Structures are given as C-alpha cells and as structure tokens.
Amino acid sequence: MSEQSTNDVAYRVVVNQRGQYSIWFVERALPGGWHEVAIPDDWLRGFNEKNDGGSSATSKQRCLAYIETVWTDMTPLPQ
C-alpha cells in the first residue's frame, strides 16, 4: 500500500490484556483479546494544535503519536 493511499485509511488505537498497544483498521473487526482505546479529547486538541490543526496529519499519524505518548514501558504485563 502506498503512502498516499494510507492517508485515506482510518485507524484506531487498540490494546491487549498484556498492555501492548497497536493500531488497527477501523473497518476491520478487532482480533480476539484486543480492545479499542478512546483517545481523550484534550490529547487530540493538543495534537491538532501542534500539527497545524491536524488537517495534514493522518489517522495513522495521530494513533501512532498517541501510542508513543501513553505506552512508555514496552515490557508486556504477565499473563
């Protein structure tokens, strides 16, 4: 998939029971054990302000930036 075509794809942030984060296509069903994470409105406002209103930022960029903010310890939680 080209970078240009990925700009039109909608993503969401997901997390599993072990605290591992990822992004997932909005139009696809979540795999077992994964749950969608609601990105807080205040975080989105801050992201948009830092990125020229967010108009040029893709859904993927927003999701990855949020994960970078909240997933500070990549060690998985025990099962």
PDB file of N, CA and C in Angstrom:
ATOM      1  N   MET A   1       0.846  -1.165   0.000  1.00  0.00           N
ATOM      2  CA  MET A   1       0.000   0.000   0.000  1.00  0.00           C
ATOM      3  C   MET A   1       0.895   1.232   0.000  1.00  0.00           C
ATOM      4  N   SER A   2       0.662   2.156  -0.901  1.00  0.00           N
ATOM      5  CA  SER A   2       1.488   3.347  -0.992  1.00  0.00           C
ATOM      6  C   SER A   2       1.176   4.301   0.144  1.00  0.00           C
ATOM      7  N   GLU A   3       2.121   5.215   0.438  1.00  0.00           N
ATOM      8  CA  GLU A   3       1.918   6.199   1.499  1.00  0.00           C
ATOM      9  C   GLU A   3       0.705   7.068   1.203  1.00  0.00           C
ATOM     10  N   GLN A   4       0.517   7.420  -0.080  1.00  0.00           N
ATOM     11  CA  GLN A   4      -0.618   8.254  -0.445  1.00  0.00           C
ATOM     12  C   GLN A   4      -1.940   7.551  -0.154  1.00  0.00           C
ATOM     13  N   SER A   5      -2.038   6.280  -0.475  1.00  0.00           N
ATOM     14  CA  SER A   5      -3.286   5.565  -0.238  1.00  0.00           C
ATOM     15  C   SER A   5      -3.526   5.309   1.243  1.00  0.00           C
ATOM     16  N   THR A   6      -2.479   5.252   2.071  1.00  0.00           N
ATOM     17  CA  THR A   6      -2.669   5.046   3.504  1.00  0.00           C
ATOM     18  C   THR A   6      -3.195   6.296   4.191  1.00  0.00           C
ATOM     19  N   ASN A   7      -3.068   7.472   3.559  1.00  0.00           N
ATOM     20  CA  ASN A   7      -3.584   8.697   4.155  1.00  0.00           C
ATOM     21  C   ASN A   7      -5.100   8.690   4.248  1.00  0.00           C
ATOM     22  N   ASP A   8      -5.765   7.928   3.406  1.00  0.00           N
ATOM     23  CA  ASP A   8      -7.218   7.879   3.391  1.00  0.00           C
ATOM     24  C   ASP A   8      -7.783   6.768   4.271  1.00  0.00           C
ATOM     25  N   VAL A   9      -6.933   5.973   4.872  1.00  0.00           N
ATOM     26  CA  VAL A   9      -7.362   4.843   5.692  1.00  0.00           C
ATOM     27  C   VAL A   9      -7.552   5.309   7.130  1.00  0.00           C
ATOM     28  N   ALA A  10      -8.648   4.912   7.753  1.00  0.00           N
ATOM     29  CA  ALA A  10      -8.909   5.273   9.150  1.00  0.00           C
ATOM     30  C   ALA A  10      -8.401   4.162  10.070  1.00  0.00           C
ATOM     31  N   TYR A  11      -7.710   4.568  11.108  1.00  0.00           N
ATOM     32  CA  TYR A  11      -7.162   3.641  12.095  1.00  0.00           C
ATOM     33  C   TYR A  11      -7.724   3.957  13.471  1.00  0.00           C
ATOM     34  N   ARG A  12      -7.564   3.001  14.379  1.00  0.00           N
ATOM     35  CA  ARG A  12      -7.898   3.201  15.781  1.00  0.00           C
ATOM     36  C   ARG A  12      -6.788   2.598  16.624  1.00  0.00           C
ATOM     37  N   VAL A  13      -6.673   3.072  17.854  1.00  0.00           N
ATOM     38  CA  VAL A  13      -5.684   2.544  18.799  1.00  0.00           C
ATOM     39  C   VAL A  13      -6.334   1.382  19.535  1.00  0.00           C
ATOM     40  N   VAL A  14      -5.583   0.300  19.672  1.00  0.00           N
ATOM     41  CA  VAL A  14      -6.065  -0.872  20.385  1.00  0.00           C
ATOM     42  C   VAL A  14      -5.029  -1.324  21.400  1.00  0.00           C
ATOM     43  N   VAL A  15      -5.483  -2.041  22.421  1.00  0.00           N
ATOM     44  CA  VAL A  15      -4.601  -2.555  23.459  1.00  0.00           C
ATOM     45  C   VAL A  15      -5.069  -3.961  23.828  1.00  0.00           C
ATOM     46  N   ASN A  16      -4.109  -4.812  24.206  1.00  0.00           N
ATOM     47  CA  ASN A  16      -4.487  -6.158  24.632  1.00  0.00           C
ATOM     48  C   ASN A  16      -4.337  -6.290  26.145  1.00  0.00           C
ATOM     49  N   GLN A  17      -4.622  -7.482  26.665  1.00  0.00           N
ATOM     50  CA  GLN A  17      -4.602  -7.710  28.110  1.00  0.00           C
ATOM     51  C   GLN A  17      -3.212  -7.549  28.719  1.00  0.00           C
ATOM     52  N   ARG A  18      -2.199  -7.647  27.895  1.00  0.00           N
ATOM     53  CA  ARG A  18      -0.828  -7.528  28.390  1.00  0.00           C
ATOM     54  C   ARG A  18      -0.315  -6.094  28.322  1.00  0.00           C
ATOM     55  N   GLY A  19      -1.208  -5.161  27.957  1.00  0.00           N
ATOM     56  CA  GLY A  19      -0.822  -3.755  27.911  1.00  0.00           C
ATOM     57  C   GLY A  19      -0.035  -3.368  26.681  1.00  0.00           C
ATOM     58  N   GLN A  20      -0.082  -4.186  25.646  1.00  0.00           N
ATOM     59  CA  GLN A  20       0.610  -3.893  24.396  1.00  0.00           C
ATOM     60  C   GLN A  20      -0.333  -3.122  23.469  1.00  0.00           C
ATOM     61  N   TYR A  21       0.164  -2.049  22.878  1.00  0.00           N
ATOM     62  CA  TYR A  21      -0.633  -1.197  22.012  1.00  0.00           C
ATOM     63  C   TYR A  21      -0.335  -1.466  20.547  1.00  0.00           C
ATOM     64  N   SER A  22      -1.310  -1.147  19.716  1.00  0.00           N
ATOM     65  CA  SER A  22      -1.141  -1.269  18.269  1.00  0.00           C
ATOM     66  C   SER A  22      -2.180  -0.364  17.607  1.00  0.00           C
ATOM     67  N   ILE A  23      -2.125  -0.309  16.281  1.00  0.00           N
ATOM     68  CA  ILE A  23      -3.179   0.357  15.527  1.00  0.00           C
ATOM     69  C   ILE A  23      -3.884  -0.697  14.691  1.00  0.00           C
ATOM     70  N   TRP A  24      -5.142  -0.426  14.380  1.00  0.00           N
ATOM     71  CA  TRP A  24      -5.961  -1.387  13.653  1.00  0.00           C
ATOM     72  C   TRP A  24      -6.883  -0.630  12.717  1.00  0.00           C
ATOM     73  N   PHE A  25      -7.132  -1.193  11.570  1.00  0.00           N
ATOM     74  CA  PHE A  25      -8.042  -0.574  10.608  1.00  0.00           C
ATOM     75  C   PHE A  25      -9.441  -0.472  11.211  1.00  0.00           C
ATOM     76  N   VAL A  26     -10.074   0.689  11.096  1.00  0.00           N
ATOM     77  CA  VAL A  26     -11.402   0.912  11.653  1.00  0.00           C
ATOM     78  C   VAL A  26     -12.424  -0.039  11.042  1.00  0.00           C
ATOM     79  N   GLU A  27     -12.303  -0.318   9.746  1.00  0.00           N
ATOM     80  CA  GLU A  27     -13.326  -1.128   9.079  1.00  0.00           C
ATOM     81  C   GLU A  27     -13.183  -2.633   9.346  1.00  0.00           C
ATOM     82  N   ARG A  28     -12.134  -3.029  10.041  1.00  0.00           N
ATOM     83  CA  ARG A  28     -11.949  -4.459  10.342  1.00  0.00           C
ATOM     84  C   ARG A  28     -12.346  -4.766  11.783  1.00  0.00           C
ATOM     85  N   ALA A  29     -12.902  -5.938  11.978  1.00  0.00           N
ATOM     86  CA  ALA A  29     -13.232  -6.392  13.329  1.00  0.00           C
ATOM     87  C   ALA A  29     -11.943  -6.585  14.123  1.00  0.00           C
ATOM     88  N   LEU A  30     -12.016  -6.283  15.404  1.00  0.00           N
ATOM     89  CA  LEU A  30     -10.838  -6.463  16.253  1.00  0.00           C
ATOM     90  C   LEU A  30     -10.562  -7.942  16.467  1.00  0.00           C
ATOM     91  N   PRO A  31      -9.287  -8.315  16.491  1.00  0.00           N
ATOM     92  CA  PRO A  31      -8.954  -9.703  16.804  1.00  0.00           C
ATOM     93  C   PRO A  31      -9.234  -9.979  18.279  1.00  0.00           C
ATOM     94  N   GLY A  32      -9.411 -11.234  18.608  1.00  0.00           N
ATOM     95  CA  GLY A  32      -9.677 -11.630  19.981  1.00  0.00           C
ATOM     96  C   GLY A  32      -8.620 -11.117  20.935  1.00  0.00           C
ATOM     97  N   GLY A  33      -9.061 -10.623  22.080  1.00  0.00           N
ATOM     98  CA  GLY A  33      -8.129 -10.158  23.102  1.00  0.00           C
ATOM     99  C   GLY A  33      -7.710  -8.707  22.964  1.00  0.00           C
ATOM    100  N   TRP A  34      -8.163  -8.018  21.945  1.00  0.00           N
ATOM    101  CA  TRP A  34      -7.815  -6.609  21.732  1.00  0.00           C
ATOM    102  C   TRP A  34      -9.049  -5.743  21.937  1.00  0.00           C
ATOM    103  N   HIS A  35      -8.837  -4.545  22.495  1.00  0.00           N
ATOM    104  CA  HIS A  35      -9.925  -3.613  22.776  1.00  0.00           C
ATOM    105  C   HIS A  35      -9.528  -2.227  22.285  1.00  0.00           C
ATOM    106  N   GLU A  36     -10.506  -1.504  21.777  1.00  0.00           N
ATOM    107  CA  GLU A  36     -10.240  -0.144  21.303  1.00  0.00           C
ATOM    108  C   GLU A  36      -9.987   0.786  22.478  1.00  0.00           C
ATOM    109  N   VAL A  37      -9.057   1.711  22.281  1.00  0.00           N
ATOM    110  CA  VAL A  37      -8.724   2.725  23.270  1.00  0.00           C
ATOM    111  C   VAL A  37      -9.311   4.052  22.794  1.00  0.00           C
ATOM    112  N   ALA A  38     -10.050   4.709  23.641  1.00  0.00           N
ATOM    113  CA  ALA A  38     -10.597   6.026  23.307  1.00  0.00           C
ATOM    114  C   ALA A  38      -9.511   7.077  23.560  1.00  0.00           C
ATOM    115  N   ILE A  39      -9.131   7.793  22.521  1.00  0.00           N
ATOM    116  CA  ILE A  39      -8.143   8.858  22.673  1.00  0.00           C
ATOM    117  C   ILE A  39      -8.861  10.063  23.287  1.00  0.00           C
ATOM    118  N   PRO A  40      -8.370  10.565  24.420  1.00  0.00           N
ATOM    119  CA  PRO A  40      -9.049  11.683  25.091  1.00  0.00           C
ATOM    120  C   PRO A  40      -9.104  12.935  24.213  1.00  0.00           C
ATOM    121  N   ASP A  41     -10.209  13.663  24.320  1.00  0.00           N
ATOM    122  CA  ASP A  41     -10.393  14.887  23.533  1.00  0.00           C
ATOM    123  C   ASP A  41      -9.294  15.907  23.791  1.00  0.00           C
ATOM    124  N   ASP A  42      -8.860  16.043  25.054  1.00  0.00           N
ATOM    125  CA  ASP A  42      -7.827  17.039  25.352  1.00  0.00           C
ATOM    126  C   ASP A  42      -6.506  16.671  24.678  1.00  0.00           C
ATOM    127  N   TRP A  43      -6.204  15.379  24.579  1.00  0.00           N
ATOM    128  CA  TRP A  43      -4.986  14.972  23.883  1.00  0.00           C
ATOM    129  C   TRP A  43      -5.103  15.302  22.395  1.00  0.00           C
ATOM    130  N   LEU A  44      -6.260  15.021  21.815  1.00  0.00           N
ATOM    131  CA  LEU A  44      -6.479  15.320  20.396  1.00  0.00           C
ATOM    132  C   LEU A  44      -6.364  16.814  20.114  1.00  0.00           C
ATOM    133  N   ARG A  45      -6.921  17.653  20.998  1.00  0.00           N
ATOM    134  CA  ARG A  45      -6.815  19.105  20.819  1.00  0.00           C
ATOM    135  C   ARG A  45      -5.357  19.530  20.828  1.00  0.00           C
ATOM    136  N   GLY A  46      -4.590  19.020  21.780  1.00  0.00           N
ATOM    137  CA  GLY A  46      -3.162  19.344  21.855  1.00  0.00           C
ATOM    138  C   GLY A  46      -2.409  18.871  20.634  1.00  0.00           C
ATOM    139  N   PHE A  47      -2.725  17.672  20.169  1.00  0.00           N
ATOM    140  CA  PHE A  47      -2.080  17.139  18.970  1.00  0.00           C
ATOM    141  C   PHE A  47      -2.402  18.023  17.769  1.00  0.00           C
ATOM    142  N   ASN A  48      -3.662  18.390  17.609  1.00  0.00           N
ATOM    143  CA  ASN A  48      -4.078  19.217  16.483  1.00  0.00           C
ATOM    144  C   ASN A  48      -3.409  20.585  16.511  1.00  0.00           C
ATOM    145  N   GLU A  49      -3.272  21.176  17.697  1.00  0.00           N
ATOM    146  CA  GLU A  49      -2.615  22.476  17.815  1.00  0.00           C
ATOM    147  C   GLU A  49      -1.148  22.397  17.412  1.00  0.00           C
ATOM    148  N   LYS A  50      -0.489  21.306  17.760  1.00  0.00           N
ATOM    149  CA  LYS A  50       0.928  21.129  17.411  1.00  0.00           C
ATOM    150  C   LYS A  50       1.121  20.791  15.937  1.00  0.00           C
ATOM    151  N   ASN A  51       0.080  20.339  15.275  1.00  0.00           N
ATOM    152  CA  ASN A  51       0.196  19.868  13.895  1.00  0.00           C
ATOM    153  C   ASN A  51      -0.704  20.656  12.942  1.00  0.00           C
ATOM    154  N   ASP A  52      -0.655  21.984  13.059  1.00  0.00           N
ATOM    155  CA  ASP A  52      -1.385  22.869  12.134  1.00  0.00           C
ATOM    156  C   ASP A  52      -2.855  22.504  12.018  1.00  0.00           C
ATOM    157  N   GLY A  53      -3.492  22.306  13.129  1.00  0.00           N
ATOM    158  CA  GLY A  53      -4.913  21.997  13.116  1.00  0.00           C
ATOM    159  C   GLY A  53      -5.221  20.556  12.797  1.00  0.00           C
ATOM    160  N   GLY A  54      -4.197  19.744  12.606  1.00  0.00           N
ATOM    161  CA  GLY A  54      -4.406  18.324  12.346  1.00  0.00           C
ATOM    162  C   GLY A  54      -4.860  18.011  10.937  1.00  0.00           C
ATOM    163  N   SER A  55      -5.005  19.039  10.101  1.00  0.00           N
ATOM    164  CA  SER A  55      -5.541  18.789   8.766  1.00  0.00           C
ATOM    165  C   SER A  55      -4.612  17.950   7.909  1.00  0.00           C
ATOM    166  N   SER A  56      -3.305  18.092   8.125  1.00  0.00           N
ATOM    167  CA  SER A  56      -2.373  17.315   7.310  1.00  0.00           C
ATOM    168  C   SER A  56      -1.987  15.987   7.966  1.00  0.00           C
ATOM    169  N   ALA A  57      -2.333  15.818   9.223  1.00  0.00           N
ATOM    170  CA  ALA A  57      -1.999  14.583   9.939  1.00  0.00           C
ATOM    171  C   ALA A  57      -2.995  13.492   9.575  1.00  0.00           C
ATOM    172  N   THR A  58      -2.493  12.326   9.320  1.00  0.00           N
ATOM    173  CA  THR A  58      -3.367  11.204   9.010  1.00  0.00           C
ATOM    174  C   THR A  58      -3.851  10.547  10.295  1.00  0.00           C
ATOM    175  N   SER A  59      -4.884   9.757  10.152  1.00  0.00           N
ATOM    176  CA  SER A  59      -5.391   8.969  11.269  1.00  0.00           C
ATOM    177  C   SER A  59      -4.262   8.096  11.826  1.00  0.00           C
ATOM    178  N   LYS A  60      -3.460   7.547  10.951  1.00  0.00           N
ATOM    179  CA  LYS A  60      -2.348   6.692  11.366  1.00  0.00           C
ATOM    180  C   LYS A  60      -1.345   7.486  12.193  1.00  0.00           C
ATOM    181  N   GLN A  61      -1.011   8.697  11.747  1.00  0.00           N
ATOM    182  CA  GLN A  61      -0.061   9.530  12.480  1.00  0.00           C
ATOM    183  C   GLN A  61      -0.582   9.876  13.867  1.00  0.00           C
ATOM    184  N   ARG A  62      -1.870  10.214  13.960  1.00  0.00           N
ATOM    185  CA  ARG A  62      -2.456  10.536  15.263  1.00  0.00           C
ATOM    186  C   ARG A  62      -2.402   9.331  16.192  1.00  0.00           C
ATOM    187  N   CYS A  63      -2.778   8.175  15.675  1.00  0.00           N
ATOM    188  CA  CYS A  63      -2.784   6.961  16.500  1.00  0.00           C
ATOM    189  C   CYS A  63      -1.384   6.607  16.981  1.00  0.00           C
ATOM    190  N   LEU A  64      -0.413   6.663  16.095  1.00  0.00           N
ATOM    191  CA  LEU A  64       0.959   6.328  16.476  1.00  0.00           C
ATOM    192  C   LEU A  64       1.520   7.338  17.479  1.00  0.00           C
ATOM    193  N   ALA A  65       1.187   8.620  17.304  1.00  0.00           N
ATOM    194  CA  ALA A  65       1.635   9.641  18.254  1.00  0.00           C
ATOM    195  C   ALA A  65       1.032   9.398  19.628  1.00  0.00           C
ATOM    196  N   TYR A  66      -0.240   9.016  19.674  1.00  0.00           N
ATOM    197  CA  TYR A  66      -0.888   8.736  20.958  1.00  0.00           C
ATOM    198  C   TYR A  66      -0.233   7.533  21.638  1.00  0.00           C
ATOM    199  N   ILE A  67       0.015   6.483  20.880  1.00  0.00           N
ATOM    200  CA  ILE A  67       0.666   5.298  21.452  1.00  0.00           C
ATOM    201  C   ILE A  67       2.034   5.666  22.011  1.00  0.00           C
ATOM    202  N   GLU A  68       2.768   6.486  21.293  1.00  0.00           N
ATOM    203  CA  GLU A  68       4.095   6.907  21.762  1.00  0.00           C
ATOM    204  C   GLU A  68       3.992   7.666  23.086  1.00  0.00           C
ATOM    205  N   THR A  69       2.902   8.396  23.263  1.00  0.00           N
ATOM    206  CA  THR A  69       2.688   9.168  24.480  1.00  0.00           C
ATOM    207  C   THR A  69       2.347   8.272  25.668  1.00  0.00           C
ATOM    208  N   VAL A  70       1.481   7.285  25.461  1.00  0.00           N
ATOM    209  CA  VAL A  70       0.959   6.508  26.596  1.00  0.00           C
ATOM    210  C   VAL A  70       1.694   5.195  26.858  1.00  0.00           C
ATOM    211  N   TRP A  71       2.332   4.636  25.851  1.00  0.00           N
ATOM    212  CA  TRP A  71       2.990   3.333  26.041  1.00  0.00           C
ATOM    213  C   TRP A  71       4.469   3.555  26.317  1.00  0.00           C
ATOM    214  N   THR A  72       4.766   3.868  27.559  1.00  0.00           N
ATOM    215  CA  THR A  72       6.136   4.215  27.916  1.00  0.00           C
ATOM    216  C   THR A  72       6.970   3.016  28.356  1.00  0.00           C
ATOM    217  N   ASP A  73       6.322   1.938  28.762  1.00  0.00           N
ATOM    218  CA  ASP A  73       7.024   0.718  29.167  1.00  0.00           C
ATOM    219  C   ASP A  73       6.572  -0.407  28.259  1.00  0.00           C
ATOM    220  N   MET A  74       7.456  -0.825  27.374  1.00  0.00           N
ATOM    221  CA  MET A  74       7.074  -1.829  26.381  1.00  0.00           C
ATOM    222  C   MET A  74       7.141  -3.259  26.906  1.00  0.00           C
ATOM    223  N   THR A  75       7.501  -3.424  28.178  1.00  0.00           N
ATOM    224  CA  THR A  75       7.525  -4.758  28.757  1.00  0.00           C
ATOM    225  C   THR A  75       6.083  -5.243  28.939  1.00  0.00           C
ATOM    226  N   PRO A  76       5.734  -6.366  28.311  1.00  0.00           N
ATOM    227  CA  PRO A  76       4.357  -6.853  28.456  1.00  0.00           C
ATOM    228  C   PRO A  76       4.029  -7.238  29.886  1.00  0.00           C
ATOM    229  N   LEU A  77       2.787  -7.000  30.264  1.00  0.00           N
ATOM    230  CA  LEU A  77       2.327  -7.439  31.580  1.00  0.00           C
ATOM    231  C   LEU A  77       2.288  -8.975  31.589  1.00  0.00           C
ATOM    232  N   PRO A  78       2.468  -9.605  32.743  1.00  0.00           N
ATOM    233  CA  PRO A  78       2.365 -11.060  32.804  1.00  0.00           C
ATOM    234  C   PRO A  78       0.951 -11.522  32.454  1.00  0.00           C
ATOM    235  N   GLN A  79       0.867 -12.739  31.963  1.00  0.00           N
ATOM    236  CA  GLN A  79      -0.440 -13.268  31.569  1.00  0.00           C
ATOM    237  C   GLN A  79      -1.236 -13.721  32.731  1.00  0.00           C
TER     238      GLN A  79
END
